[in-house]
Amino acid sequence: MPVAPQNSPLVIKFAHNVRKFRLARGVSQEALAEAAGLHRTYIGMIERAEKNITLYNIERIAIALDVAPATLLS
């Protein structure tokens, strides 16, 4: 049975970690989006756990935040 992204513990954890690392680095959603090659509104949706993100985009965000992709999922 499909689970909505906002009801998935892993999506919620990822969303929390993206926001935590972004804020710790003093980076805006817009700056993170630009560094990752994504749209600003997409970053907002990720941080609110509204999107089921692809592995490719997890990698792009991790690189932009200078962390390992696994760090954003744990």
N, C-alpha and C. Protein backbone atom coordinates (compact mmCIF):
# COMPACT_ATOMS: atom_id res chain seq x y z
N MET A 1 0.84 -1.17 0.00
CA MET A 1 0.00 0.00 0.00
C MET A 1 0.90 1.24 0.00
N PRO A 2 0.68 2.18 -0.93
CA PRO A 2 1.51 3.38 -1.01
C PRO A 2 1.37 4.26 0.23
N VAL A 3 2.47 4.90 0.59
CA VAL A 3 2.50 5.81 1.74
C VAL A 3 2.80 7.21 1.20
N ALA A 4 2.03 8.18 1.60
CA ALA A 4 2.30 9.56 1.19
C ALA A 4 3.64 10.00 1.76
N PRO A 5 4.40 10.80 1.02
CA PRO A 5 5.73 11.20 1.50
C PRO A 5 5.72 11.77 2.92
N GLN A 6 4.72 12.61 3.24
CA GLN A 6 4.68 13.23 4.56
C GLN A 6 4.36 12.24 5.68
N ASN A 7 4.03 11.00 5.32
CA ASN A 7 3.77 9.95 6.32
C ASN A 7 4.89 8.92 6.38
N SER A 8 5.94 9.15 5.64
CA SER A 8 7.08 8.22 5.61
C SER A 8 8.15 8.69 6.58
N PRO A 9 8.51 7.87 7.57
CA PRO A 9 9.54 8.27 8.53
C PRO A 9 10.87 8.64 7.86
N LEU A 10 11.25 7.93 6.79
CA LEU A 10 12.51 8.22 6.12
C LEU A 10 12.45 9.57 5.40
N VAL A 11 11.35 9.87 4.76
CA VAL A 11 11.19 11.16 4.07
C VAL A 11 11.21 12.29 5.10
N ILE A 12 10.55 12.09 6.22
CA ILE A 12 10.52 13.10 7.28
C ILE A 12 11.92 13.32 7.84
N LYS A 13 12.67 12.25 8.06
CA LYS A 13 14.04 12.36 8.57
C LYS A 13 14.92 13.10 7.58
N PHE A 14 14.79 12.75 6.29
CA PHE A 14 15.57 13.42 5.26
C PHE A 14 15.24 14.92 5.24
N ALA A 15 13.96 15.24 5.29
CA ALA A 15 13.53 16.64 5.28
C ALA A 15 14.13 17.41 6.45
N HIS A 16 14.08 16.81 7.63
CA HIS A 16 14.64 17.44 8.83
C HIS A 16 16.14 17.67 8.67
N ASN A 17 16.85 16.67 8.16
CA ASN A 17 18.31 16.78 8.02
C ASN A 17 18.71 17.81 6.97
N VAL A 18 18.00 17.88 5.86
CA VAL A 18 18.32 18.89 4.85
C VAL A 18 18.19 20.28 5.47
N ARG A 19 17.10 20.52 6.16
CA ARG A 19 16.89 21.83 6.79
C ARG A 19 17.96 22.10 7.85
N LYS A 20 18.26 21.09 8.67
CA LYS A 20 19.25 21.26 9.74
C LYS A 20 20.62 21.63 9.17
N PHE A 21 21.08 20.90 8.16
CA PHE A 21 22.39 21.18 7.58
C PHE A 21 22.40 22.50 6.80
N ARG A 22 21.30 22.81 6.14
CA ARG A 22 21.21 24.08 5.41
C ARG A 22 21.32 25.25 6.37
N LEU A 23 20.56 25.20 7.46
CA LEU A 23 20.59 26.28 8.44
C LEU A 23 21.93 26.37 9.15
N ALA A 24 22.53 25.22 9.45
CA ALA A 24 23.84 25.21 10.11
C ALA A 24 24.91 25.88 9.25
N ARG A 25 24.72 25.82 7.96
CA ARG A 25 25.67 26.44 7.03
C ARG A 25 25.27 27.87 6.67
N GLY A 26 24.15 28.32 7.20
CA GLY A 26 23.70 29.68 6.93
C GLY A 26 23.32 29.92 5.48
N VAL A 27 22.73 28.90 4.86
CA VAL A 27 22.39 28.96 3.45
C VAL A 27 20.87 29.06 3.31
N SER A 28 20.42 29.92 2.41
CA SER A 28 18.99 30.02 2.14
C SER A 28 18.53 28.86 1.26
N GLN A 29 17.22 28.65 1.22
CA GLN A 29 16.69 27.63 0.31
C GLN A 29 17.06 27.96 -1.13
N GLU A 30 17.02 29.22 -1.47
CA GLU A 30 17.35 29.64 -2.83
C GLU A 30 18.81 29.33 -3.16
N ALA A 31 19.72 29.62 -2.23
CA ALA A 31 21.14 29.34 -2.46
C ALA A 31 21.41 27.84 -2.56
N LEU A 32 20.75 27.07 -1.71
CA LEU A 32 20.90 25.61 -1.78
C LEU A 32 20.38 25.09 -3.11
N ALA A 33 19.23 25.58 -3.52
CA ALA A 33 18.65 25.15 -4.79
C ALA A 33 19.59 25.46 -5.95
N GLU A 34 20.15 26.65 -5.95
CA GLU A 34 21.07 27.03 -7.02
C GLU A 34 22.31 26.13 -7.02
N ALA A 35 22.87 25.88 -5.84
CA ALA A 35 24.07 25.04 -5.74
C ALA A 35 23.79 23.60 -6.18
N ALA A 36 22.58 23.13 -5.94
CA ALA A 36 22.21 21.75 -6.29
C ALA A 36 21.62 21.65 -7.69
N GLY A 37 21.37 22.77 -8.33
CA GLY A 37 20.76 22.75 -9.65
C GLY A 37 19.29 22.38 -9.62
N LEU A 38 18.62 22.79 -8.56
CA LEU A 38 17.20 22.49 -8.38
C LEU A 38 16.43 23.80 -8.21
N HIS A 39 15.11 23.73 -8.21
CA HIS A 39 14.28 24.92 -8.04
C HIS A 39 14.07 25.19 -6.55
N ARG A 40 14.01 26.46 -6.20
CA ARG A 40 13.82 26.87 -4.79
C ARG A 40 12.56 26.27 -4.18
N THR A 41 11.47 26.26 -4.93
CA THR A 41 10.23 25.71 -4.38
C THR A 41 10.34 24.21 -4.14
N TYR A 42 11.15 23.53 -4.94
CA TYR A 42 11.37 22.10 -4.76
C TYR A 42 12.10 21.84 -3.43
N ILE A 43 13.08 22.67 -3.11
CA ILE A 43 13.78 22.54 -1.82
C ILE A 43 12.80 22.74 -0.68
N GLY A 44 11.93 23.72 -0.78
CA GLY A 44 10.91 23.95 0.26
C GLY A 44 10.00 22.74 0.42
N MET A 45 9.60 22.16 -0.69
CA MET A 45 8.73 20.98 -0.63
C MET A 45 9.46 19.79 -0.01
N ILE A 46 10.74 19.67 -0.29
CA ILE A 46 11.54 18.60 0.31
C ILE A 46 11.62 18.80 1.81
N GLU A 47 11.89 20.03 2.23
CA GLU A 47 12.02 20.32 3.67
C GLU A 47 10.70 20.16 4.41
N ARG A 48 9.59 20.23 3.72
CA ARG A 48 8.28 20.00 4.34
C ARG A 48 7.81 18.56 4.16
N ALA A 49 8.69 17.72 3.61
CA ALA A 49 8.40 16.29 3.38
C ALA A 49 7.20 16.10 2.46
N GLU A 50 7.08 16.96 1.47
CA GLU A 50 5.98 16.87 0.53
C GLU A 50 6.35 16.12 -0.75
N LYS A 51 7.63 15.87 -0.95
CA LYS A 51 8.11 15.23 -2.17
C LYS A 51 8.85 13.93 -1.85
N ASN A 52 8.65 12.95 -2.69
CA ASN A 52 9.41 11.72 -2.63
C ASN A 52 10.59 11.91 -3.57
N ILE A 53 11.73 12.22 -3.03
CA ILE A 53 12.90 12.64 -3.79
C ILE A 53 13.63 11.45 -4.42
N THR A 54 14.25 11.68 -5.56
CA THR A 54 15.02 10.62 -6.23
C THR A 54 16.42 10.53 -5.63
N LEU A 55 17.06 9.40 -5.85
CA LEU A 55 18.45 9.23 -5.39
C LEU A 55 19.37 10.26 -6.03
N TYR A 56 19.13 10.55 -7.29
CA TYR A 56 19.94 11.54 -8.01
C TYR A 56 19.87 12.90 -7.31
N ASN A 57 18.68 13.31 -6.92
CA ASN A 57 18.53 14.61 -6.26
C ASN A 57 19.04 14.58 -4.83
N ILE A 58 18.97 13.44 -4.17
CA ILE A 58 19.59 13.32 -2.84
C ILE A 58 21.08 13.58 -2.97
N GLU A 59 21.69 12.99 -3.98
CA GLU A 59 23.13 13.18 -4.21
C GLU A 59 23.44 14.65 -4.50
N ARG A 60 22.64 15.28 -5.32
CA ARG A 60 22.87 16.69 -5.67
C ARG A 60 22.79 17.60 -4.44
N ILE A 61 21.81 17.34 -3.58
CA ILE A 61 21.67 18.14 -2.36
C ILE A 61 22.82 17.86 -1.41
N ALA A 62 23.20 16.61 -1.27
CA ALA A 62 24.31 16.25 -0.39
C ALA A 62 25.60 16.94 -0.83
N ILE A 63 25.87 16.93 -2.12
CA ILE A 63 27.06 17.60 -2.63
C ILE A 63 27.00 19.10 -2.33
N ALA A 64 25.85 19.70 -2.55
CA ALA A 64 25.68 21.14 -2.29
C ALA A 64 25.86 21.47 -0.81
N LEU A 65 25.49 20.54 0.07
CA LEU A 65 25.64 20.74 1.52
C LEU A 65 26.98 20.24 2.04
N ASP A 66 27.76 19.61 1.17
CA ASP A 66 29.07 19.06 1.53
C ASP A 66 28.96 18.00 2.64
N VAL A 67 28.00 17.09 2.46
CA VAL A 67 27.84 15.96 3.37
C VAL A 67 27.66 14.69 2.54
N ALA A 68 27.84 13.55 3.16
CA ALA A 68 27.58 12.28 2.48
C ALA A 68 26.08 12.10 2.34
N PRO A 69 25.63 11.55 1.24
CA PRO A 69 24.19 11.30 1.09
C PRO A 69 23.60 10.51 2.25
N ALA A 70 24.33 9.54 2.76
CA ALA A 70 23.84 8.72 3.87
C ALA A 70 23.59 9.56 5.12
N THR A 71 24.34 10.62 5.28
CA THR A 71 24.17 11.51 6.44
C THR A 71 22.78 12.14 6.44
N LEU A 72 22.27 12.44 5.26
CA LEU A 72 20.96 13.07 5.18
C LEU A 72 19.83 12.07 5.43
N LEU A 73 20.15 10.77 5.36
CA LEU A 73 19.13 9.73 5.55
C LEU A 73 19.19 9.09 6.93
N SER A 74 20.19 9.45 7.72
CA SER A 74 20.31 8.78 9.03
C SER A 74 19.99 9.71 10.18
